Amino acid sequence: MRLEGKTALITGGGTGIGLEIAKTYAREGAFVYITGRRENRLQEAVEAIGNNAAYVQADVSVKEDMIRTAEKIRAERGSVDIVICNAGVGNYVSLTDVTEKEFDRVMHTNVLGSYFTVQACLPIMNEGSAIILNTSVTASLGLKDFSLYIAAKSAEKSFIHTWTNELRDRRIRVNAIAPGIIPTEAAGKELGRSEEEEIERRAYRATLIPAGRVGHVSDIANAAVYLGSDESSYVNGIELLVDGGLAAIYPVKL
């Protein structure tokens, strides 16, 4: 029960990585709030998580939604100990094909979403709390047709340094988890791949990774428990690569 007594907020917690983090946090003793745009998925997620969970239907790119989320947490729990900015979107689009609409979608969800989430939660965060950003191993790579997503994740990565300095007087730690190849249903659909294509791509990529396999959502959840717990009280301002060693041997053709 490494998170016993703590309250956590996980954006994008209705599916994939966010849901797995929420389940693991609840098992470790935390009370978990999750956000997302689809209420039916949030309801299903809370049932899967168990008793120590609640949801707020909210769009992270809308500041008023995140303020409403923080107000709900304040009213019900008083404060929050761990804020995980997990919600994100992305797509393979070439430099010449990126539209203003797609630029806004990716930047608003990933970058503004993280910013608005932390802004809204700061007034209710306890001294010594933790902020965890979900960045990406791709911010350390140079993948073609992925410049927009990588730019968004690089912007989030920059928050680690500035926020660590800005929040030092409140002893709020700011770290990030950079997932490697972590297959999820949502990611496959977001990137436009069929189930068959996703399985084929996954098998190929497993041969490239020093760990000998692609990742699992539980790999990210376990890292999130560590960074949210008191075990990492002296870990601050870092990006933890959870990628099986992929970034260490790049370049490889993904």
C-alpha atoms as a PDB file:
ATOM      1  CA  MET A   1       0.000   0.000   0.000  1.00  0.00           C
ATOM      2  CA  ARG A   2       2.633   2.505  -1.098  1.00  0.00           C
ATOM      3  CA  LEU A   3       0.058   5.216  -1.844  1.00  0.00           C
ATOM      4  CA  GLU A   4      -2.192   4.743   1.153  1.00  0.00           C
ATOM      5  CA  GLY A   5      -3.979   7.924   2.162  1.00  0.00           C
ATOM      6  CA  LYS A   6      -3.063   9.819  -1.004  1.00  0.00           C
ATOM      7  CA  THR A   7      -5.470  11.396  -3.500  1.00  0.00           C
ATOM      8  CA  ALA A   8      -4.552  11.318  -7.174  1.00  0.00           C
ATOM      9  CA  LEU A   9      -5.884  12.872 -10.365  1.00  0.00           C
ATOM     10  CA  ILE A  10      -5.222  11.086 -13.647  1.00  0.00           C
ATOM     11  CA  THR A  11      -6.305  12.786 -16.843  1.00  0.00           C
ATOM     12  CA  GLY A  12      -7.284  10.531 -19.716  1.00  0.00           C
ATOM     13  CA  GLY A  13      -7.927   7.800 -17.167  1.00  0.00           C
ATOM     14  CA  GLY A  14     -10.763   6.038 -18.940  1.00  0.00           C
ATOM     15  CA  THR A  15      -8.667   3.840 -21.219  1.00  0.00           C
ATOM     16  CA  GLY A  16      -5.187   2.511 -21.919  1.00  0.00           C
ATOM     17  CA  ILE A  17      -2.246   3.709 -19.872  1.00  0.00           C
ATOM     18  CA  GLY A  18      -4.329   6.083 -17.767  1.00  0.00           C
ATOM     19  CA  LEU A  19      -6.777   3.378 -16.756  1.00  0.00           C
ATOM     20  CA  GLU A  20      -3.984   0.964 -15.842  1.00  0.00           C
ATOM     21  CA  ILE A  21      -2.335   3.628 -13.688  1.00  0.00           C
ATOM     22  CA  ALA A  22      -5.666   4.298 -11.977  1.00  0.00           C
ATOM     23  CA  LYS A  23      -6.228   0.604 -11.241  1.00  0.00           C
ATOM     24  CA  THR A  24      -2.702   0.213  -9.853  1.00  0.00           C
ATOM     25  CA  TYR A  25      -2.981   3.366  -7.747  1.00  0.00           C
ATOM     26  CA  ALA A  26      -6.245   2.175  -6.222  1.00  0.00           C
ATOM     27  CA  ARG A  27      -4.672  -1.187  -5.367  1.00  0.00           C
ATOM     28  CA  GLU A  28      -1.816   0.695  -3.697  1.00  0.00           C
ATOM     29  CA  GLY A  29      -4.258   2.567  -1.449  1.00  0.00           C
ATOM     30  CA  ALA A  30      -4.855   5.867  -3.271  1.00  0.00           C
ATOM     31  CA  PHE A  31      -8.224   7.446  -3.958  1.00  0.00           C
ATOM     32  CA  VAL A  32      -8.254   8.153  -7.684  1.00  0.00           C
ATOM     33  CA  TYR A  33     -10.059  10.725  -9.796  1.00  0.00           C
ATOM     34  CA  ILE A  34     -10.022  10.174 -13.557  1.00  0.00           C
ATOM     35  CA  THR A  35     -11.054  12.517 -16.345  1.00  0.00           C
ATOM     36  CA  GLY A  36     -12.050  12.021 -19.947  1.00  0.00           C
ATOM     37  CA  ARG A  37     -14.471  13.250 -22.559  1.00  0.00           C
ATOM     38  CA  ARG A  38     -16.631  10.116 -22.905  1.00  0.00           C
ATOM     39  CA  GLU A  39     -18.830   9.559 -19.881  1.00  0.00           C
ATOM     40  CA  ASN A  40     -19.707   5.964 -20.759  1.00  0.00           C
ATOM     41  CA  ARG A  41     -16.017   4.989 -20.800  1.00  0.00           C
ATOM     42  CA  LEU A  42     -15.435   6.806 -17.523  1.00  0.00           C
ATOM     43  CA  GLN A  43     -18.304   4.947 -15.884  1.00  0.00           C
ATOM     44  CA  GLU A  44     -16.929   1.620 -17.094  1.00  0.00           C
ATOM     45  CA  ALA A  45     -13.449   2.585 -15.905  1.00  0.00           C
ATOM     46  CA  VAL A  46     -14.609   3.502 -12.391  1.00  0.00           C
ATOM     47  CA  GLU A  47     -16.396   0.147 -12.118  1.00  0.00           C
ATOM     48  CA  ALA A  48     -13.183  -1.591 -13.163  1.00  0.00           C
ATOM     49  CA  ILE A  49     -11.066   0.393 -10.703  1.00  0.00           C
ATOM     50  CA  GLY A  50     -13.290  -0.287  -7.699  1.00  0.00           C
ATOM     51  CA  ASN A  51     -14.445   1.631  -4.641  1.00  0.00           C
ATOM     52  CA  ASN A  52     -11.579   4.124  -4.404  1.00  0.00           C
ATOM     53  CA  ALA A  53     -12.382   5.990  -7.608  1.00  0.00           C
ATOM     54  CA  ALA A  54     -14.537   8.726  -9.077  1.00  0.00           C
ATOM     55  CA  TYR A  55     -14.684  10.428 -12.444  1.00  0.00           C
ATOM     56  CA  VAL A  56     -15.154  13.910 -13.835  1.00  0.00           C
ATOM     57  CA  GLN A  57     -16.228  14.288 -17.439  1.00  0.00           C
ATOM     58  CA  ALA A  58     -13.829  16.963 -18.650  1.00  0.00           C
ATOM     59  CA  ASP A  59     -11.769  18.055 -21.633  1.00  0.00           C
ATOM     60  CA  VAL A  60      -8.226  18.881 -20.529  1.00  0.00           C
ATOM     61  CA  SER A  61      -7.882  21.495 -23.248  1.00  0.00           C
ATOM     62  CA  VAL A  62     -10.744  23.500 -21.725  1.00  0.00           C
ATOM     63  CA  LYS A  63      -9.490  25.453 -18.713  1.00  0.00           C
ATOM     64  CA  GLU A  64     -12.950  25.761 -17.149  1.00  0.00           C
ATOM     65  CA  ASP A  65     -13.312  21.966 -17.203  1.00  0.00           C
ATOM     66  CA  MET A  66     -10.095  21.503 -15.271  1.00  0.00           C
ATOM     67  CA  ILE A  67     -11.019  24.201 -12.749  1.00  0.00           C
ATOM     68  CA  ARG A  68     -14.324  22.383 -12.223  1.00  0.00           C
ATOM     69  CA  THR A  69     -12.396  19.145 -11.738  1.00  0.00           C
ATOM     70  CA  ALA A  70     -10.149  20.690  -9.095  1.00  0.00           C
ATOM     71  CA  GLU A  71     -13.142  22.199  -7.317  1.00  0.00           C
ATOM     72  CA  LYS A  72     -14.804  18.790  -7.144  1.00  0.00           C
ATOM     73  CA  ILE A  73     -11.672  17.266  -5.634  1.00  0.00           C
ATOM     74  CA  ARG A  74     -11.426  20.103  -3.107  1.00  0.00           C
ATOM     75  CA  ALA A  75     -15.075  19.672  -2.101  1.00  0.00           C
ATOM     76  CA  GLU A  76     -14.820  15.900  -1.700  1.00  0.00           C
ATOM     77  CA  ARG A  77     -11.239  15.277  -0.578  1.00  0.00           C
ATOM     78  CA  GLY A  78      -9.869  18.658   0.463  1.00  0.00           C
ATOM     79  CA  SER A  79      -6.641  18.413  -1.534  1.00  0.00           C
ATOM     80  CA  VAL A  80      -4.697  16.343  -4.040  1.00  0.00           C
ATOM     81  CA  ASP A  81      -1.290  14.683  -3.617  1.00  0.00           C
ATOM     82  CA  ILE A  82      -0.504  13.396  -7.115  1.00  0.00           C
ATOM     83  CA  VAL A  83      -1.432  14.940 -10.458  1.00  0.00           C
ATOM     84  CA  ILE A  84      -0.768  12.830 -13.535  1.00  0.00           C
ATOM     85  CA  CYS A  85      -1.059  14.597 -16.885  1.00  0.00           C
ATOM     86  CA  ASN A  86      -1.711  11.582 -19.048  1.00  0.00           C
ATOM     87  CA  ALA A  87      -4.297  12.680 -21.625  1.00  0.00           C
ATOM     88  CA  GLY A  88      -2.829  12.974 -25.091  1.00  0.00           C
ATOM     89  CA  VAL A  89      -3.406  12.508 -28.813  1.00  0.00           C
ATOM     90  CA  GLY A  90      -1.215  12.140 -31.873  1.00  0.00           C
ATOM     91  CA  ASN A  91      -1.075  10.924 -35.436  1.00  0.00           C
ATOM     92  CA  TYR A  92       1.354  10.204 -38.245  1.00  0.00           C
ATOM     93  CA  VAL A  93       1.111  13.263 -40.498  1.00  0.00           C
ATOM     94  CA  SER A  94       3.833  14.560 -42.787  1.00  0.00           C
ATOM     95  CA  LEU A  95       5.136  18.076 -42.423  1.00  0.00           C
ATOM     96  CA  THR A  96       3.429  19.142 -45.648  1.00  0.00           C
ATOM     97  CA  ASP A  97       0.040  17.691 -44.668  1.00  0.00           C
ATOM     98  CA  VAL A  98      -0.433  19.079 -41.149  1.00  0.00           C
ATOM     99  CA  THR A  99      -3.511  21.297 -41.069  1.00  0.00           C
ATOM    100  CA  GLU A 100      -4.284  24.089 -38.635  1.00  0.00           C
ATOM    101  CA  LYS A 101      -7.079  21.933 -37.204  1.00  0.00           C
ATOM    102  CA  GLU A 102      -4.745  18.999 -36.555  1.00  0.00           C
ATOM    103  CA  PHE A 103      -2.066  21.292 -35.136  1.00  0.00           C
ATOM    104  CA  ASP A 104      -4.558  22.733 -32.671  1.00  0.00           C
ATOM    105  CA  ARG A 105      -5.930  19.309 -31.738  1.00  0.00           C
ATOM    106  CA  VAL A 106      -2.532  17.839 -30.873  1.00  0.00           C
ATOM    107  CA  MET A 107      -1.068  20.915 -29.202  1.00  0.00           C
ATOM    108  CA  HIS A 108      -4.189  21.807 -27.251  1.00  0.00           C
ATOM    109  CA  THR A 109      -4.724  18.317 -25.853  1.00  0.00           C
ATOM    110  CA  ASN A 110      -1.102  17.527 -25.016  1.00  0.00           C
ATOM    111  CA  VAL A 111       0.431  20.883 -24.140  1.00  0.00           C
ATOM    112  CA  LEU A 112      -2.442  23.110 -23.068  1.00  0.00           C
ATOM    113  CA  GLY A 113      -4.074  20.108 -21.408  1.00  0.00           C
ATOM    114  CA  SER A 114      -1.095  19.533 -19.146  1.00  0.00           C
ATOM    115  CA  TYR A 115      -0.737  23.244 -18.448  1.00  0.00           C
ATOM    116  CA  PHE A 116      -4.406  23.767 -17.581  1.00  0.00           C
ATOM    117  CA  THR A 117      -4.484  20.643 -15.416  1.00  0.00           C
ATOM    118  CA  VAL A 118      -1.545  21.771 -13.292  1.00  0.00           C
ATOM    119  CA  GLN A 119      -2.743  25.381 -13.130  1.00  0.00           C
ATOM    120  CA  ALA A 120      -6.138  24.275 -11.851  1.00  0.00           C
ATOM    121  CA  CYS A 121      -4.709  21.844  -9.303  1.00  0.00           C
ATOM    122  CA  LEU A 122      -1.912  23.932  -7.804  1.00  0.00           C
ATOM    123  CA  PRO A 123      -4.212  25.706  -5.289  1.00  0.00           C
ATOM    124  CA  ILE A 124      -5.263  22.338  -3.828  1.00  0.00           C
ATOM    125  CA  MET A 125      -1.918  20.540  -3.967  1.00  0.00           C
ATOM    126  CA  ASN A 126      -0.279  19.713  -0.668  1.00  0.00           C
ATOM    127  CA  GLU A 127       3.309  20.630   0.093  1.00  0.00           C
ATOM    128  CA  GLY A 128       5.486  17.756  -1.054  1.00  0.00           C
ATOM    129  CA  SER A 129       3.018  16.646  -3.736  1.00  0.00           C
ATOM    130  CA  ALA A 130       3.994  15.107  -7.061  1.00  0.00           C
ATOM    131  CA  ILE A 131       3.294  16.054 -10.656  1.00  0.00           C
ATOM    132  CA  ILE A 132       3.887  13.349 -13.265  1.00  0.00           C
ATOM    133  CA  LEU A 133       3.843  14.148 -16.978  1.00  0.00           C
ATOM    134  CA  ASN A 134       3.327  11.507 -19.647  1.00  0.00           C
ATOM    135  CA  THR A 135       5.871  12.409 -22.313  1.00  0.00           C
ATOM    136  CA  SER A 136       7.207   9.949 -24.894  1.00  0.00           C
ATOM    137  CA  VAL A 137      10.379   8.210 -26.003  1.00  0.00           C
ATOM    138  CA  THR A 138       9.707   9.810 -29.391  1.00  0.00           C
ATOM    139  CA  ALA A 139      10.865  13.167 -27.975  1.00  0.00           C
ATOM    140  CA  SER A 140      14.355  11.619 -28.019  1.00  0.00           C
ATOM    141  CA  LEU A 141      14.013  10.240 -31.545  1.00  0.00           C
ATOM    142  CA  GLY A 142      13.566  11.741 -35.010  1.00  0.00           C
ATOM    143  CA  LEU A 143      10.713   9.765 -36.482  1.00  0.00           C
ATOM    144  CA  LYS A 144       9.477  10.932 -39.881  1.00  0.00           C
ATOM    145  CA  ASP A 145       5.849  12.049 -40.223  1.00  0.00           C
ATOM    146  CA  PHE A 146       5.597  12.443 -36.453  1.00  0.00           C
ATOM    147  CA  SER A 147       6.934  15.968 -36.018  1.00  0.00           C
ATOM    148  CA  LEU A 148       3.725  17.431 -34.595  1.00  0.00           C
ATOM    149  CA  TYR A 149       3.340  14.823 -31.839  1.00  0.00           C
ATOM    150  CA  ILE A 150       7.052  14.961 -31.015  1.00  0.00           C
ATOM    151  CA  ALA A 151       6.892  18.756 -30.786  1.00  0.00           C
ATOM    152  CA  ALA A 152       4.006  18.506 -28.340  1.00  0.00           C
ATOM    153  CA  LYS A 153       5.780  15.939 -26.188  1.00  0.00           C
ATOM    154  CA  SER A 154       8.997  17.973 -26.288  1.00  0.00           C
ATOM    155  CA  ALA A 155       7.056  20.972 -24.996  1.00  0.00           C
ATOM    156  CA  GLU A 156       5.688  18.873 -22.142  1.00  0.00           C
ATOM    157  CA  LYS A 157       9.205  17.631 -21.434  1.00  0.00           C
ATOM    158  CA  SER A 158      10.371  21.231 -21.004  1.00  0.00           C
ATOM    159  CA  PHE A 159       7.878  21.681 -18.156  1.00  0.00           C
ATOM    160  CA  ILE A 160       9.911  19.251 -16.048  1.00  0.00           C
ATOM    161  CA  HIS A 161      12.733  21.757 -15.705  1.00  0.00           C
ATOM    162  CA  THR A 162      10.811  25.017 -15.397  1.00  0.00           C
ATOM    163  CA  TRP A 163       8.154  23.705 -13.023  1.00  0.00           C
ATOM    164  CA  THR A 164      10.710  21.936 -10.828  1.00  0.00           C
ATOM    165  CA  ASN A 165      12.362  25.302 -10.287  1.00  0.00           C
ATOM    166  CA  GLU A 166       9.146  27.295  -9.984  1.00  0.00           C
ATOM    167  CA  LEU A 167       7.576  24.941  -7.424  1.00  0.00           C
ATOM    168  CA  ARG A 168      10.681  24.274  -5.332  1.00  0.00           C
ATOM    169  CA  ASP A 169       9.470  26.395  -2.384  1.00  0.00           C
ATOM    170  CA  ARG A 170       6.403  24.176  -2.067  1.00  0.00           C
ATOM    171  CA  ARG A 171       8.522  21.021  -2.452  1.00  0.00           C
ATOM    172  CA  ILE A 172       6.283  19.855  -5.274  1.00  0.00           C
ATOM    173  CA  ARG A 173       8.226  17.332  -7.323  1.00  0.00           C
ATOM    174  CA  VAL A 174       7.867  17.352 -11.118  1.00  0.00           C
ATOM    175  CA  ASN A 175       8.880  14.279 -13.079  1.00  0.00           C
ATOM    176  CA  ALA A 176       7.888  12.578 -16.305  1.00  0.00           C
ATOM    177  CA  ILE A 177       7.473   9.079 -17.618  1.00  0.00           C
ATOM    178  CA  ALA A 178       8.450   8.601 -21.254  1.00  0.00           C
ATOM    179  CA  PRO A 179       6.751   5.436 -22.488  1.00  0.00           C
ATOM    180  CA  GLY A 180       8.338   3.478 -25.269  1.00  0.00           C
ATOM    181  CA  ILE A 181       6.248   1.244 -27.499  1.00  0.00           C
ATOM    182  CA  ILE A 182       3.180   0.502 -25.371  1.00  0.00           C
ATOM    183  CA  PRO A 183       0.402  -0.956 -27.537  1.00  0.00           C
ATOM    184  CA  THR A 184      -3.123   0.087 -26.576  1.00  0.00           C
ATOM    185  CA  GLU A 185      -6.416  -0.122 -28.401  1.00  0.00           C
ATOM    186  CA  ALA A 186      -6.751   3.654 -28.486  1.00  0.00           C
ATOM    187  CA  ALA A 187      -3.232   4.179 -29.826  1.00  0.00           C
ATOM    188  CA  GLY A 188      -3.760   1.762 -32.705  1.00  0.00           C
ATOM    189  CA  LYS A 189      -6.973   3.456 -33.755  1.00  0.00           C
ATOM    190  CA  GLU A 190      -5.517   6.942 -33.294  1.00  0.00           C
ATOM    191  CA  LEU A 191      -2.642   6.088 -35.631  1.00  0.00           C
ATOM    192  CA  GLY A 192      -4.993   4.576 -38.207  1.00  0.00           C
ATOM    193  CA  ARG A 193      -3.782   0.970 -38.039  1.00  0.00           C
ATOM    194  CA  SER A 194      -6.008  -2.082 -38.277  1.00  0.00           C
ATOM    195  CA  GLU A 195      -5.769  -4.846 -35.670  1.00  0.00           C
ATOM    196  CA  GLU A 196      -3.795  -7.018 -38.105  1.00  0.00           C
ATOM    197  CA  GLU A 197      -1.393  -4.187 -38.921  1.00  0.00           C
ATOM    198  CA  GLU A 198      -0.944  -3.451 -35.236  1.00  0.00           C
ATOM    199  CA  ILE A 199      -0.053  -7.086 -34.445  1.00  0.00           C
ATOM    200  CA  GLU A 200       2.426  -7.214 -37.323  1.00  0.00           C
ATOM    201  CA  ARG A 201       4.037  -3.918 -36.345  1.00  0.00           C
ATOM    202  CA  ARG A 202       4.238  -5.010 -32.714  1.00  0.00           C
ATOM    203  CA  ALA A 203       6.041  -8.246 -33.584  1.00  0.00           C
ATOM    204  CA  TYR A 204       8.584  -6.398 -35.727  1.00  0.00           C
ATOM    205  CA  ARG A 205       9.269  -3.730 -33.124  1.00  0.00           C
ATOM    206  CA  ALA A 206       9.812  -6.350 -30.422  1.00  0.00           C
ATOM    207  CA  THR A 207      12.849  -7.533 -32.387  1.00  0.00           C
ATOM    208  CA  LEU A 208      14.362  -4.036 -32.211  1.00  0.00           C
ATOM    209  CA  ILE A 209      14.067  -3.458 -28.486  1.00  0.00           C
ATOM    210  CA  PRO A 210      16.914  -4.651 -26.230  1.00  0.00           C
ATOM    211  CA  ALA A 211      14.389  -5.938 -23.674  1.00  0.00           C
ATOM    212  CA  GLY A 212      13.097  -8.319 -26.341  1.00  0.00           C
ATOM    213  CA  ARG A 213       9.466  -7.233 -26.186  1.00  0.00           C
ATOM    214  CA  VAL A 214       7.167  -4.283 -26.562  1.00  0.00           C
ATOM    215  CA  GLY A 215       5.925  -2.697 -23.375  1.00  0.00           C
ATOM    216  CA  HIS A 216       2.722  -3.216 -21.442  1.00  0.00           C
ATOM    217  CA  VAL A 217       0.552  -0.621 -19.758  1.00  0.00           C
ATOM    218  CA  SER A 218       1.534  -2.167 -16.418  1.00  0.00           C
ATOM    219  CA  ASP A 219       5.158  -1.159 -17.057  1.00  0.00           C
ATOM    220  CA  ILE A 220       4.076   2.491 -17.080  1.00  0.00           C
ATOM    221  CA  ALA A 221       1.732   2.052 -14.129  1.00  0.00           C
ATOM    222  CA  ASN A 222       4.514   0.580 -12.000  1.00  0.00           C
ATOM    223  CA  ALA A 223       6.769   3.519 -12.821  1.00  0.00           C
ATOM    224  CA  ALA A 224       3.943   5.921 -11.943  1.00  0.00           C
ATOM    225  CA  VAL A 225       3.540   4.290  -8.543  1.00  0.00           C
ATOM    226  CA  TYR A 226       7.219   4.804  -7.819  1.00  0.00           C
ATOM    227  CA  LEU A 227       7.214   8.456  -8.883  1.00  0.00           C
ATOM    228  CA  GLY A 228       4.035   9.156  -6.942  1.00  0.00           C
ATOM    229  CA  SER A 229       5.138   7.439  -3.747  1.00  0.00           C
ATOM    230  CA  ASP A 230       7.419   8.570  -0.943  1.00  0.00           C
ATOM    231  CA  GLU A 231      10.010   6.093  -2.226  1.00  0.00           C
ATOM    232  CA  SER A 232      10.956   8.684  -4.852  1.00  0.00           C
ATOM    233  CA  SER A 233      10.997  11.679  -2.487  1.00  0.00           C
ATOM    234  CA  TYR A 234      14.524  12.571  -3.663  1.00  0.00           C
ATOM    235  CA  VAL A 235      13.735  12.115  -7.357  1.00  0.00           C
ATOM    236  CA  ASN A 236      12.895  15.451  -8.927  1.00  0.00           C
ATOM    237  CA  GLY A 237      13.121  17.018 -12.382  1.00  0.00           C
ATOM    238  CA  ILE A 238      13.756  13.837 -14.357  1.00  0.00           C
ATOM    239  CA  GLU A 239      12.250  12.052 -17.330  1.00  0.00           C
ATOM    240  CA  LEU A 240      12.156   8.311 -16.704  1.00  0.00           C
ATOM    241  CA  LEU A 241      12.432   6.368 -19.955  1.00  0.00           C
ATOM    242  CA  VAL A 242      10.326   3.210 -19.792  1.00  0.00           C
ATOM    243  CA  ASP A 243      11.181   1.923 -23.241  1.00  0.00           C
ATOM    244  CA  GLY A 244      13.048  -1.369 -22.864  1.00  0.00           C
ATOM    245  CA  GLY A 245      16.276   0.339 -23.955  1.00  0.00           C
ATOM    246  CA  LEU A 246      15.018   1.591 -27.333  1.00  0.00           C
ATOM    247  CA  ALA A 247      16.324   5.146 -27.031  1.00  0.00           C
ATOM    248  CA  ALA A 248      19.734   3.843 -25.995  1.00  0.00           C
ATOM    249  CA  ILE A 249      20.293   2.128 -29.360  1.00  0.00           C
ATOM    250  CA  TYR A 250      18.420   4.482 -31.696  1.00  0.00           C
ATOM    251  CA  PRO A 251      18.539   4.974 -34.692  1.00  0.00           C
ATOM    252  CA  VAL A 252      16.493   1.996 -35.749  1.00  0.00           C
ATOM    253  CA  LYS A 253      13.695   1.920 -38.286  1.00  0.00           C
ATOM    254  CA  LEU A 254      10.400   1.821 -36.421  1.00  0.00           C
END
